[in-house]
């Protein structure tokens, strides 16, 4: 499990989801783009929930290791979608200035 730290808040999600969000944020920043993502997360009470993030070049994002949670969210479909988005951003030519 990993925490995604955004501003003053940290949210818990799977390793794969956190790494995919970080990779997508890097792809967006490199392309000068922004997007929103709804990440499957675990709240302070251990319940699965969804946390939405704005990913943009000027907004910092940190991913840190966290204690494993056997009841963590199912993130397979999310990781597949975000990984696809990151590949699409990287394959799209930049707009002409």
PDB file of N, CA and C in Angstrom:
ATOM      1  N   UNK A   1       0.845  -1.175   0.000  1.00  0.00           N
ATOM      2  CA  UNK A   1       0.000   0.000   0.000  1.00  0.00           C
ATOM      3  C   UNK A   1       0.890   1.237   0.000  1.00  0.00           C
ATOM      4  N   UNK A   2       0.352   2.301  -0.552  1.00  0.00           N
ATOM      5  CA  UNK A   2       1.078   3.570  -0.580  1.00  0.00           C
ATOM      6  C   UNK A   2       0.116   4.716  -0.300  1.00  0.00           C
ATOM      7  N   UNK A   3       0.678   5.779   0.238  1.00  0.00           N
ATOM      8  CA  UNK A   3      -0.061   7.026   0.400  1.00  0.00           C
ATOM      9  C   UNK A   3       0.248   7.932  -0.773  1.00  0.00           C
ATOM     10  N   UNK A   4      -0.796   8.544  -1.310  1.00  0.00           N
ATOM     11  CA  UNK A   4      -0.618   9.636  -2.249  1.00  0.00           C
ATOM     12  C   UNK A   4      -0.799  10.901  -1.430  1.00  0.00           C
ATOM     13  N   UNK A   5       0.236  11.709  -1.368  1.00  0.00           N
ATOM     14  CA  UNK A   5       0.193  12.953  -0.588  1.00  0.00           C
ATOM     15  C   UNK A   5      -0.040  14.098  -1.567  1.00  0.00           C
ATOM     16  N   UNK A   6      -1.096  14.837  -1.317  1.00  0.00           N
ATOM     17  CA  UNK A   6      -1.533  15.916  -2.202  1.00  0.00           C
ATOM     18  C   UNK A   6      -1.879  17.090  -1.312  1.00  0.00           C
ATOM     19  N   UNK A   7      -1.097  18.142  -1.383  1.00  0.00           N
ATOM     20  CA  UNK A   7      -1.309  19.261  -0.469  1.00  0.00           C
ATOM     21  C   UNK A   7      -1.033  18.812   0.949  1.00  0.00           C
ATOM     22  N   UNK A   8      -1.992  18.993   1.838  1.00  0.00           N
ATOM     23  CA  UNK A   8      -1.836  18.599   3.235  1.00  0.00           C
ATOM     24  C   UNK A   8      -2.527  17.285   3.558  1.00  0.00           C
ATOM     25  N   UNK A   9      -2.976  16.563   2.537  1.00  0.00           N
ATOM     26  CA  UNK A   9      -3.745  15.346   2.742  1.00  0.00           C
ATOM     27  C   UNK A   9      -3.033  14.150   2.139  1.00  0.00           C
ATOM     28  N   UNK A  10      -3.107  13.021   2.848  1.00  0.00           N
ATOM     29  CA  UNK A  10      -2.577  11.762   2.332  1.00  0.00           C
ATOM     30  C   UNK A  10      -3.722  10.765   2.241  1.00  0.00           C
ATOM     31  N   UNK A  11      -3.775  10.026   1.130  1.00  0.00           N
ATOM     32  CA  UNK A  11      -4.793   8.992   0.958  1.00  0.00           C
ATOM     33  C   UNK A  11      -4.115   7.666   0.648  1.00  0.00           C
ATOM     34  N   UNK A  12      -4.702   6.608   1.160  1.00  0.00           N
ATOM     35  CA  UNK A  12      -4.136   5.266   1.031  1.00  0.00           C
ATOM     36  C   UNK A  12      -4.748   4.540  -0.163  1.00  0.00           C
ATOM     37  N   UNK A  13      -3.882   3.932  -0.976  1.00  0.00           N
ATOM     38  CA  UNK A  13      -4.332   3.138  -2.118  1.00  0.00           C
ATOM     39  C   UNK A  13      -3.317   2.035  -2.371  1.00  0.00           C
ATOM     40  N   UNK A  14      -3.548   1.238  -3.376  1.00  0.00           N
ATOM     41  CA  UNK A  14      -2.618   0.151  -3.696  1.00  0.00           C
ATOM     42  C   UNK A  14      -1.320   0.716  -4.276  1.00  0.00           C
ATOM     43  N   UNK A  15      -0.268  -0.087  -4.189  1.00  0.00           N
ATOM     44  CA  UNK A  15       1.014   0.303  -4.784  1.00  0.00           C
ATOM     45  C   UNK A  15       0.847   0.612  -6.267  1.00  0.00           C
ATOM     46  N   UNK A  16       0.127  -0.268  -6.963  1.00  0.00           N
ATOM     47  CA  UNK A  16      -0.042  -0.124  -8.407  1.00  0.00           C
ATOM     48  C   UNK A  16      -0.788   1.159  -8.764  1.00  0.00           C
ATOM     49  N   UNK A  17      -1.839   1.472  -8.012  1.00  0.00           N
ATOM     50  CA  UNK A  17      -2.612   2.679  -8.288  1.00  0.00           C
ATOM     51  C   UNK A  17      -1.782   3.927  -8.024  1.00  0.00           C
ATOM     52  N   UNK A  18      -1.073   3.957  -6.913  1.00  0.00           N
ATOM     53  CA  UNK A  18      -0.245   5.124  -6.580  1.00  0.00           C
ATOM     54  C   UNK A  18       0.836   5.338  -7.633  1.00  0.00           C
ATOM     55  N   UNK A  19       1.486   4.254  -8.036  1.00  0.00           N
ATOM     56  CA  UNK A  19       2.538   4.373  -9.049  1.00  0.00           C
ATOM     57  C   UNK A  19       1.963   4.821 -10.394  1.00  0.00           C
ATOM     58  N   UNK A  20       0.769   4.325 -10.744  1.00  0.00           N
ATOM     59  CA  UNK A  20       0.134   4.722 -12.010  1.00  0.00           C
ATOM     60  C   UNK A  20      -0.251   6.197 -11.983  1.00  0.00           C
ATOM     61  N   UNK A  21      -0.751   6.685 -10.860  1.00  0.00           N
ATOM     62  CA  UNK A  21      -1.104   8.110 -10.744  1.00  0.00           C
ATOM     63  C   UNK A  21       0.149   8.966 -10.890  1.00  0.00           C
ATOM     64  N   UNK A  22       1.224   8.570 -10.230  1.00  0.00           N
ATOM     65  CA  UNK A  22       2.472   9.329 -10.315  1.00  0.00           C
ATOM     66  C   UNK A  22       3.006   9.341 -11.749  1.00  0.00           C
ATOM     67  N   UNK A  23       2.951   8.203 -12.421  1.00  0.00           N
ATOM     68  CA  UNK A  23       3.411   8.122 -13.807  1.00  0.00           C
ATOM     69  C   UNK A  23       2.551   8.994 -14.721  1.00  0.00           C
ATOM     70  N   UNK A  24       1.239   8.965 -14.518  1.00  0.00           N
ATOM     71  CA  UNK A  24       0.335   9.779 -15.334  1.00  0.00           C
ATOM     72  C   UNK A  24       0.570  11.264 -15.071  1.00  0.00           C
ATOM     73  N   UNK A  25       0.772  11.633 -13.810  1.00  0.00           N
ATOM     74  CA  UNK A  25       1.055  13.035 -13.472  1.00  0.00           C
ATOM     75  C   UNK A  25       2.333  13.502 -14.169  1.00  0.00           C
ATOM     76  N   UNK A  26       3.343  12.643 -14.204  1.00  0.00           N
ATOM     77  CA  UNK A  26       4.596  13.001 -14.878  1.00  0.00           C
ATOM     78  C   UNK A  26       4.376  13.176 -16.379  1.00  0.00           C
ATOM     79  N   UNK A  27       3.594  12.279 -16.992  1.00  0.00           N
ATOM     80  CA  UNK A  27       3.309  12.395 -18.427  1.00  0.00           C
ATOM     81  C   UNK A  27       2.553  13.685 -18.725  1.00  0.00           C
ATOM     82  N   UNK A  28       1.556  14.000 -17.900  1.00  0.00           N
ATOM     83  CA  UNK A  28       0.801  15.234 -18.092  1.00  0.00           C
ATOM     84  C   UNK A  28       1.694  16.467 -17.943  1.00  0.00           C
ATOM     85  N   UNK A  29       2.529  16.472 -16.920  1.00  0.00           N
ATOM     86  CA  UNK A  29       3.415  17.618 -16.684  1.00  0.00           C
ATOM     87  C   UNK A  29       4.366  17.815 -17.862  1.00  0.00           C
ATOM     88  N   UNK A  30       4.903  16.718 -18.370  1.00  0.00           N
ATOM     89  CA  UNK A  30       5.833  16.809 -19.506  1.00  0.00           C
ATOM     90  C   UNK A  30       5.137  17.385 -20.739  1.00  0.00           C
ATOM     91  N   UNK A  31       3.853  17.057 -20.897  1.00  0.00           N
ATOM     92  CA  UNK A  31       3.092  17.543 -22.051  1.00  0.00           C
ATOM     93  C   UNK A  31       2.436  18.896 -21.801  1.00  0.00           C
ATOM     94  N   UNK A  32       2.537  19.407 -20.568  1.00  0.00           N
ATOM     95  CA  UNK A  32       1.898  20.681 -20.251  1.00  0.00           C
ATOM     96  C   UNK A  32       0.381  20.580 -20.184  1.00  0.00           C
ATOM     97  N   UNK A  33      -0.125  19.419 -19.785  1.00  0.00           N
ATOM     98  CA  UNK A  33      -1.559  19.167 -19.731  1.00  0.00           C
ATOM     99  C   UNK A  33      -2.031  18.956 -18.299  1.00  0.00           C
ATOM    100  N   UNK A  34      -3.336  18.921 -18.125  1.00  0.00           N
ATOM    101  CA  UNK A  34      -3.936  18.645 -16.819  1.00  0.00           C
ATOM    102  C   UNK A  34      -5.097  17.686 -17.016  1.00  0.00           C
ATOM    103  N   UNK A  35      -5.449  16.969 -15.962  1.00  0.00           N
ATOM    104  CA  UNK A  35      -6.582  16.045 -16.004  1.00  0.00           C
ATOM    105  C   UNK A  35      -7.015  15.764 -14.572  1.00  0.00           C
ATOM    106  N   UNK A  36      -8.196  15.195 -14.438  1.00  0.00           N
ATOM    107  CA  UNK A  36      -8.652  14.742 -13.127  1.00  0.00           C
ATOM    108  C   UNK A  36      -8.727  13.224 -13.141  1.00  0.00           C
ATOM    109  N   UNK A  37      -8.467  12.639 -11.981  1.00  0.00           N
ATOM    110  CA  UNK A  37      -8.578  11.191 -11.822  1.00  0.00           C
ATOM    111  C   UNK A  37      -9.337  10.900 -10.530  1.00  0.00           C
ATOM    112  N   UNK A  38     -10.129   9.849 -10.554  1.00  0.00           N
ATOM    113  CA  UNK A  38     -10.855   9.382  -9.373  1.00  0.00           C
ATOM    114  C   UNK A  38     -10.206   8.069  -8.946  1.00  0.00           C
ATOM    115  N   UNK A  39      -9.452   8.118  -7.855  1.00  0.00           N
ATOM    116  CA  UNK A  39      -8.622   7.004  -7.418  1.00  0.00           C
ATOM    117  C   UNK A  39      -9.347   6.169  -6.352  1.00  0.00           C
ATOM    118  N   UNK A  40      -9.397   4.841  -6.519  1.00  0.00           N
ATOM    119  CA  UNK A  40      -9.935   3.994  -5.454  1.00  0.00           C
ATOM    120  C   UNK A  40      -8.994   4.059  -4.247  1.00  0.00           C
ATOM    121  N   UNK A  41      -9.520   4.429  -3.088  1.00  0.00           N
ATOM    122  CA  UNK A  41      -8.705   4.625  -1.896  1.00  0.00           C
ATOM    123  C   UNK A  41      -9.371   3.985  -0.682  1.00  0.00           C
ATOM    124  N   UNK A  42      -8.675   4.055   0.448  1.00  0.00           N
ATOM    125  CA  UNK A  42      -9.187   3.577   1.725  1.00  0.00           C
ATOM    126  C   UNK A  42      -9.222   4.766   2.667  1.00  0.00           C
ATOM    127  N   UNK A  43     -10.374   4.981   3.337  1.00  0.00           N
ATOM    128  CA  UNK A  43     -10.469   6.127   4.246  1.00  0.00           C
ATOM    129  C   UNK A  43      -9.900   5.786   5.624  1.00  0.00           C
ATOM    130  N   UNK A  44      -9.944   6.720   6.535  1.00  0.00           N
ATOM    131  CA  UNK A  44      -9.366   6.565   7.873  1.00  0.00           C
ATOM    132  C   UNK A  44     -10.025   5.443   8.676  1.00  0.00           C
ATOM    133  N   UNK A  45     -11.218   5.032   8.285  1.00  0.00           N
ATOM    134  CA  UNK A  45     -11.938   3.971   8.994  1.00  0.00           C
ATOM    135  C   UNK A  45     -11.758   2.605   8.339  1.00  0.00           C
ATOM    136  N   UNK A  46     -10.972   2.556   7.263  1.00  0.00           N
ATOM    137  CA  UNK A  46     -10.707   1.302   6.575  1.00  0.00           C
ATOM    138  C   UNK A  46     -11.716   0.952   5.505  1.00  0.00           C
ATOM    139  N   UNK A  47     -12.621   1.853   5.212  1.00  0.00           N
ATOM    140  CA  UNK A  47     -13.621   1.616   4.167  1.00  0.00           C
ATOM    141  C   UNK A  47     -13.088   2.060   2.814  1.00  0.00           C
ATOM    142  N   UNK A  48     -13.471   1.335   1.767  1.00  0.00           N
ATOM    143  CA  UNK A  48     -13.052   1.761   0.435  1.00  0.00           C
ATOM    144  C   UNK A  48     -13.901   2.956   0.006  1.00  0.00           C
ATOM    145  N   UNK A  49     -13.251   3.857  -0.669  1.00  0.00           N
ATOM    146  CA  UNK A  49     -13.899   5.078  -1.143  1.00  0.00           C
ATOM    147  C   UNK A  49     -13.188   5.515  -2.418  1.00  0.00           C
ATOM    148  N   UNK A  50     -13.532   6.658  -2.914  1.00  0.00           N
ATOM    149  CA  UNK A  50     -12.876   7.211  -4.092  1.00  0.00           C
ATOM    150  C   UNK A  50     -12.434   8.625  -3.777  1.00  0.00           C
ATOM    151  N   UNK A  51     -11.213   8.956  -4.153  1.00  0.00           N
ATOM    152  CA  UNK A  51     -10.677  10.296  -3.947  1.00  0.00           C
ATOM    153  C   UNK A  51     -10.302  10.872  -5.302  1.00  0.00           C
ATOM    154  N   UNK A  52     -10.785  12.069  -5.589  1.00  0.00           N
ATOM    155  CA  UNK A  52     -10.494  12.708  -6.877  1.00  0.00           C
ATOM    156  C   UNK A  52      -9.336  13.681  -6.744  1.00  0.00           C
ATOM    157  N   UNK A  53      -8.494  13.687  -7.755  1.00  0.00           N
ATOM    158  CA  UNK A  53      -7.322  14.556  -7.806  1.00  0.00           C
ATOM    159  C   UNK A  53      -7.320  15.348  -9.100  1.00  0.00           C
ATOM    160  N   UNK A  54      -6.837  16.576  -9.024  1.00  0.00           N
ATOM    161  CA  UNK A  54      -6.507  17.349 -10.205  1.00  0.00           C
ATOM    162  C   UNK A  54      -5.015  17.186 -10.412  1.00  0.00           C
ATOM    163  N   UNK A  55      -4.627  16.656 -11.554  1.00  0.00           N
ATOM    164  CA  UNK A  55      -3.212  16.504 -11.892  1.00  0.00           C
ATOM    165  C   UNK A  55      -2.868  17.586 -12.902  1.00  0.00           C
ATOM    166  N   UNK A  56      -1.942  18.454 -12.542  1.00  0.00           N
ATOM    167  CA  UNK A  56      -1.542  19.558 -13.405  1.00  0.00           C
ATOM    168  C   UNK A  56      -0.060  19.833 -13.176  1.00  0.00           C
ATOM    169  N   UNK A  57       0.614  20.430 -14.178  1.00  0.00           N
ATOM    170  CA  UNK A  57       2.053  20.640 -14.078  1.00  0.00           C
ATOM    171  C   UNK A  57       2.505  21.398 -12.825  1.00  0.00           C
ATOM    172  N   UNK A  58       1.732  22.351 -12.351  1.00  0.00           N
ATOM    173  CA  UNK A  58       2.173  23.176 -11.221  1.00  0.00           C
ATOM    174  C   UNK A  58       1.803  22.595  -9.858  1.00  0.00           C
ATOM    175  N   UNK A  59       1.115  21.448  -9.842  1.00  0.00           N
ATOM    176  CA  UNK A  59       0.671  20.861  -8.577  1.00  0.00           C
ATOM    177  C   UNK A  59       1.556  19.682  -8.208  1.00  0.00           C
ATOM    178  N   UNK A  60       2.099  19.727  -7.000  1.00  0.00           N
ATOM    179  CA  UNK A  60       2.990  18.665  -6.545  1.00  0.00           C
ATOM    180  C   UNK A  60       2.231  17.438  -6.063  1.00  0.00           C
ATOM    181  N   UNK A  61       2.846  16.295  -6.243  1.00  0.00           N
ATOM    182  CA  UNK A  61       2.270  15.026  -5.840  1.00  0.00           C
ATOM    183  C   UNK A  61       3.396  14.174  -5.285  1.00  0.00           C
ATOM    184  N   UNK A  62       3.147  13.508  -4.176  1.00  0.00           N
ATOM    185  CA  UNK A  62       4.158  12.672  -3.536  1.00  0.00           C
ATOM    186  C   UNK A  62       3.539  11.311  -3.278  1.00  0.00           C
ATOM    187  N   UNK A  63       4.303  10.250  -3.524  1.00  0.00           N
ATOM    188  CA  UNK A  63       3.863   8.895  -3.213  1.00  0.00           C
ATOM    189  C   UNK A  63       4.847   8.319  -2.213  1.00  0.00           C
ATOM    190  N   UNK A  64       4.303   7.775  -1.100  1.00  0.00           N
ATOM    191  CA  UNK A  64       5.172   7.205  -0.071  1.00  0.00           C
ATOM    192  C   UNK A  64       4.636   5.851   0.360  1.00  0.00           C
ATOM    193  N   UNK A  65       5.552   4.975   0.784  1.00  0.00           N
ATOM    194  CA  UNK A  65       5.160   3.657   1.267  1.00  0.00           C
ATOM    195  C   UNK A  65       4.290   3.780   2.504  1.00  0.00           C
ATOM    196  N   UNK A  66       3.366   2.838   2.652  1.00  0.00           N
ATOM    197  CA  UNK A  66       2.481   2.790   3.819  1.00  0.00           C
ATOM    198  C   UNK A  66       2.347   1.334   4.244  1.00  0.00           C
ATOM    199  N   UNK A  67       1.801   1.133   5.424  1.00  0.00           N
ATOM    200  CA  UNK A  67       1.570  -0.223   5.916  1.00  0.00           C
ATOM    201  C   UNK A  67       0.565  -0.936   5.013  1.00  0.00           C
ATOM    202  N   UNK A  68       0.787  -2.232   4.810  1.00  0.00           N
ATOM    203  CA  UNK A  68      -0.144  -3.000   3.989  1.00  0.00           C
ATOM    204  C   UNK A  68      -1.508  -3.081   4.651  1.00  0.00           C
ATOM    205  N   UNK A  69      -2.530  -3.061   3.834  1.00  0.00           N
ATOM    206  CA  UNK A  69      -3.904  -3.182   4.298  1.00  0.00           C
ATOM    207  C   UNK A  69      -4.550  -4.302   3.492  1.00  0.00           C
ATOM    208  N   UNK A  70      -4.830  -5.452   4.133  1.00  0.00           N
ATOM    209  CA  UNK A  70      -5.392  -6.577   3.377  1.00  0.00           C
ATOM    210  C   UNK A  70      -6.762  -6.284   2.783  1.00  0.00           C
ATOM    211  N   UNK A  71      -7.442  -5.262   3.278  1.00  0.00           N
ATOM    212  CA  UNK A  71      -8.754  -4.904   2.759  1.00  0.00           C
ATOM    213  C   UNK A  71      -8.691  -3.728   1.796  1.00  0.00           C
ATOM    214  N   UNK A  72      -7.528  -3.520   1.202  1.00  0.00           N
ATOM    215  CA  UNK A  72      -7.348  -2.403   0.281  1.00  0.00           C
ATOM    216  C   UNK A  72      -8.287  -2.494  -0.910  1.00  0.00           C
ATOM    217  N   UNK A  73      -8.421  -1.387  -1.631  1.00  0.00           N
ATOM    218  CA  UNK A  73      -9.358  -1.345  -2.749  1.00  0.00           C
ATOM    219  C   UNK A  73      -8.880  -2.169  -3.939  1.00  0.00           C
ATOM    220  N   UNK A  74      -9.826  -2.618  -4.751  1.00  0.00           N
ATOM    221  CA  UNK A  74      -9.502  -3.282  -6.011  1.00  0.00           C
ATOM    222  C   UNK A  74      -9.194  -2.185  -7.013  1.00  0.00           C
ATOM    223  N   UNK A  75      -7.969  -2.137  -7.483  1.00  0.00           N
ATOM    224  CA  UNK A  75      -7.545  -1.040  -8.353  1.00  0.00           C
ATOM    225  C   UNK A  75      -7.141  -1.488  -9.755  1.00  0.00           C
ATOM    226  N   UNK A  76      -7.367  -2.749 -10.085  1.00  0.00           N
ATOM    227  CA  UNK A  76      -6.899  -3.271 -11.378  1.00  0.00           C
ATOM    228  C   UNK A  76      -7.466  -2.486 -12.562  1.00  0.00           C
ATOM    229  N   UNK A  77      -8.763  -2.249 -12.590  1.00  0.00           N
ATOM    230  CA  UNK A  77      -9.374  -1.517 -13.707  1.00  0.00           C
ATOM    231  C   UNK A  77      -8.890  -0.073 -13.735  1.00  0.00           C
ATOM    232  N   UNK A  78      -8.744   0.534 -12.566  1.00  0.00           N
ATOM    233  CA  UNK A  78      -8.236   1.908 -12.486  1.00  0.00           C
ATOM    234  C   UNK A  78      -6.822   1.987 -13.056  1.00  0.00           C
ATOM    235  N   UNK A  79      -5.957   1.080 -12.641  1.00  0.00           N
ATOM    236  CA  UNK A  79      -4.564   1.085 -13.101  1.00  0.00           C
ATOM    237  C   UNK A  79      -4.504   0.910 -14.617  1.00  0.00           C
ATOM    238  N   UNK A  80      -5.331   0.027 -15.149  1.00  0.00           N
ATOM    239  CA  UNK A  80      -5.360  -0.173 -16.603  1.00  0.00           C
ATOM    240  C   UNK A  80      -5.765   1.114 -17.320  1.00  0.00           C
ATOM    241  N   UNK A  81      -6.793   1.795 -16.823  1.00  0.00           N
ATOM    242  CA  UNK A  81      -7.274   3.043 -17.438  1.00  0.00           C
ATOM    243  C   UNK A  81      -6.222   4.150 -17.362  1.00  0.00           C
ATOM    244  N   UNK A  82      -5.630   4.351 -16.200  1.00  0.00           N
ATOM    245  CA  UNK A  82      -4.653   5.431 -16.022  1.00  0.00           C
ATOM    246  C   UNK A  82      -3.382   5.145 -16.816  1.00  0.00           C
ATOM    247  N   UNK A  83      -2.982   3.896 -16.883  1.00  0.00           N
ATOM    248  CA  UNK A  83      -1.803   3.535 -17.683  1.00  0.00           C
ATOM    249  C   UNK A  83      -2.068   3.804 -19.159  1.00  0.00           C
ATOM    250  N   UNK A  84      -3.291   3.513 -19.623  1.00  0.00           N
ATOM    251  CA  UNK A  84      -3.668   3.818 -21.002  1.00  0.00           C
ATOM    252  C   UNK A  84      -3.612   5.326 -21.245  1.00  0.00           C
ATOM    253  N   UNK A  85      -4.142   6.101 -20.307  1.00  0.00           N
ATOM    254  CA  UNK A  85      -4.110   7.569 -20.458  1.00  0.00           C
ATOM    255  C   UNK A  85      -2.672   8.077 -20.532  1.00  0.00           C
ATOM    256  N   UNK A  86      -1.797   7.555 -19.688  1.00  0.00           N
ATOM    257  CA  UNK A  86      -0.394   7.990 -19.702  1.00  0.00           C
ATOM    258  C   UNK A  86       0.258   7.674 -21.041  1.00  0.00           C
ATOM    259  N   UNK A  87       0.005   6.476 -21.569  1.00  0.00           N
ATOM    260  CA  UNK A  87       0.564   6.121 -22.889  1.00  0.00           C
ATOM    261  C   UNK A  87       0.017   7.040 -23.967  1.00  0.00           C
ATOM    262  N   UNK A  88      -1.273   7.363 -23.899  1.00  0.00           N
ATOM    263  CA  UNK A  88      -1.887   8.243 -24.901  1.00  0.00           C
ATOM    264  C   UNK A  88      -1.269   9.630 -24.861  1.00  0.00           C
ATOM    265  N   UNK A  89      -1.026  10.152 -23.666  1.00  0.00           N
ATOM    266  CA  UNK A  89      -0.408  11.481 -23.536  1.00  0.00           C
ATOM    267  C   UNK A  89       1.002  11.461 -24.117  1.00  0.00           C
ATOM    268  N   UNK A  90       1.740  10.404 -23.844  1.00  0.00           N
ATOM    269  CA  UNK A  90       3.118  10.323 -24.326  1.00  0.00           C
ATOM    270  C   UNK A  90       3.190  10.150 -25.838  1.00  0.00           C
ATOM    271  N   UNK A  91       2.160   9.555 -26.448  1.00  0.00           N
ATOM    272  CA  UNK A  91       2.160   9.296 -27.895  1.00  0.00           C
ATOM    273  C   UNK A  91       1.556  10.428 -28.698  1.00  0.00           C
ATOM    274  N   UNK A  92       0.926  11.373 -28.059  1.00  0.00           N
ATOM    275  CA  UNK A  92       0.292  12.484 -28.762  1.00  0.00           C
ATOM    276  C   UNK A  92       1.311  13.584 -29.018  1.00  0.00           C
ATOM    277  N   UNK A  93       1.446  14.031 -30.259  1.00  0.00           N
ATOM    278  CA  UNK A  93       2.400  15.116 -30.522  1.00  0.00           C
ATOM    279  C   UNK A  93       1.979  16.397 -29.799  1.00  0.00           C
ATOM    280  N   UNK A  94       2.943  17.186 -29.353  1.00  0.00           N
ATOM    281  CA  UNK A  94       2.609  18.431 -28.664  1.00  0.00           C
ATOM    282  C   UNK A  94       1.923  19.415 -29.621  1.00  0.00           C
ATOM    283  N   UNK A  95       1.044  20.272 -29.091  1.00  0.00           N
ATOM    284  CA  UNK A  95       0.395  21.267 -29.951  1.00  0.00           C
ATOM    285  C   UNK A  95       1.423  22.247 -30.487  1.00  0.00           C
ATOM    286  N   UNK A  96       1.156  22.771 -31.658  1.00  0.00           N
ATOM    287  CA  UNK A  96       2.071  23.753 -32.258  1.00  0.00           C
ATOM    288  C   UNK A  96       1.910  25.085 -31.551  1.00  0.00           C
ATOM    289  N   UNK A  97       2.999  25.738 -31.315  1.00  0.00           N
ATOM    290  CA  UNK A  97       2.974  27.030 -30.621  1.00  0.00           C
ATOM    291  C   UNK A  97       2.552  28.153 -31.527  1.00  0.00           C
TER     292      UNK A  97
END
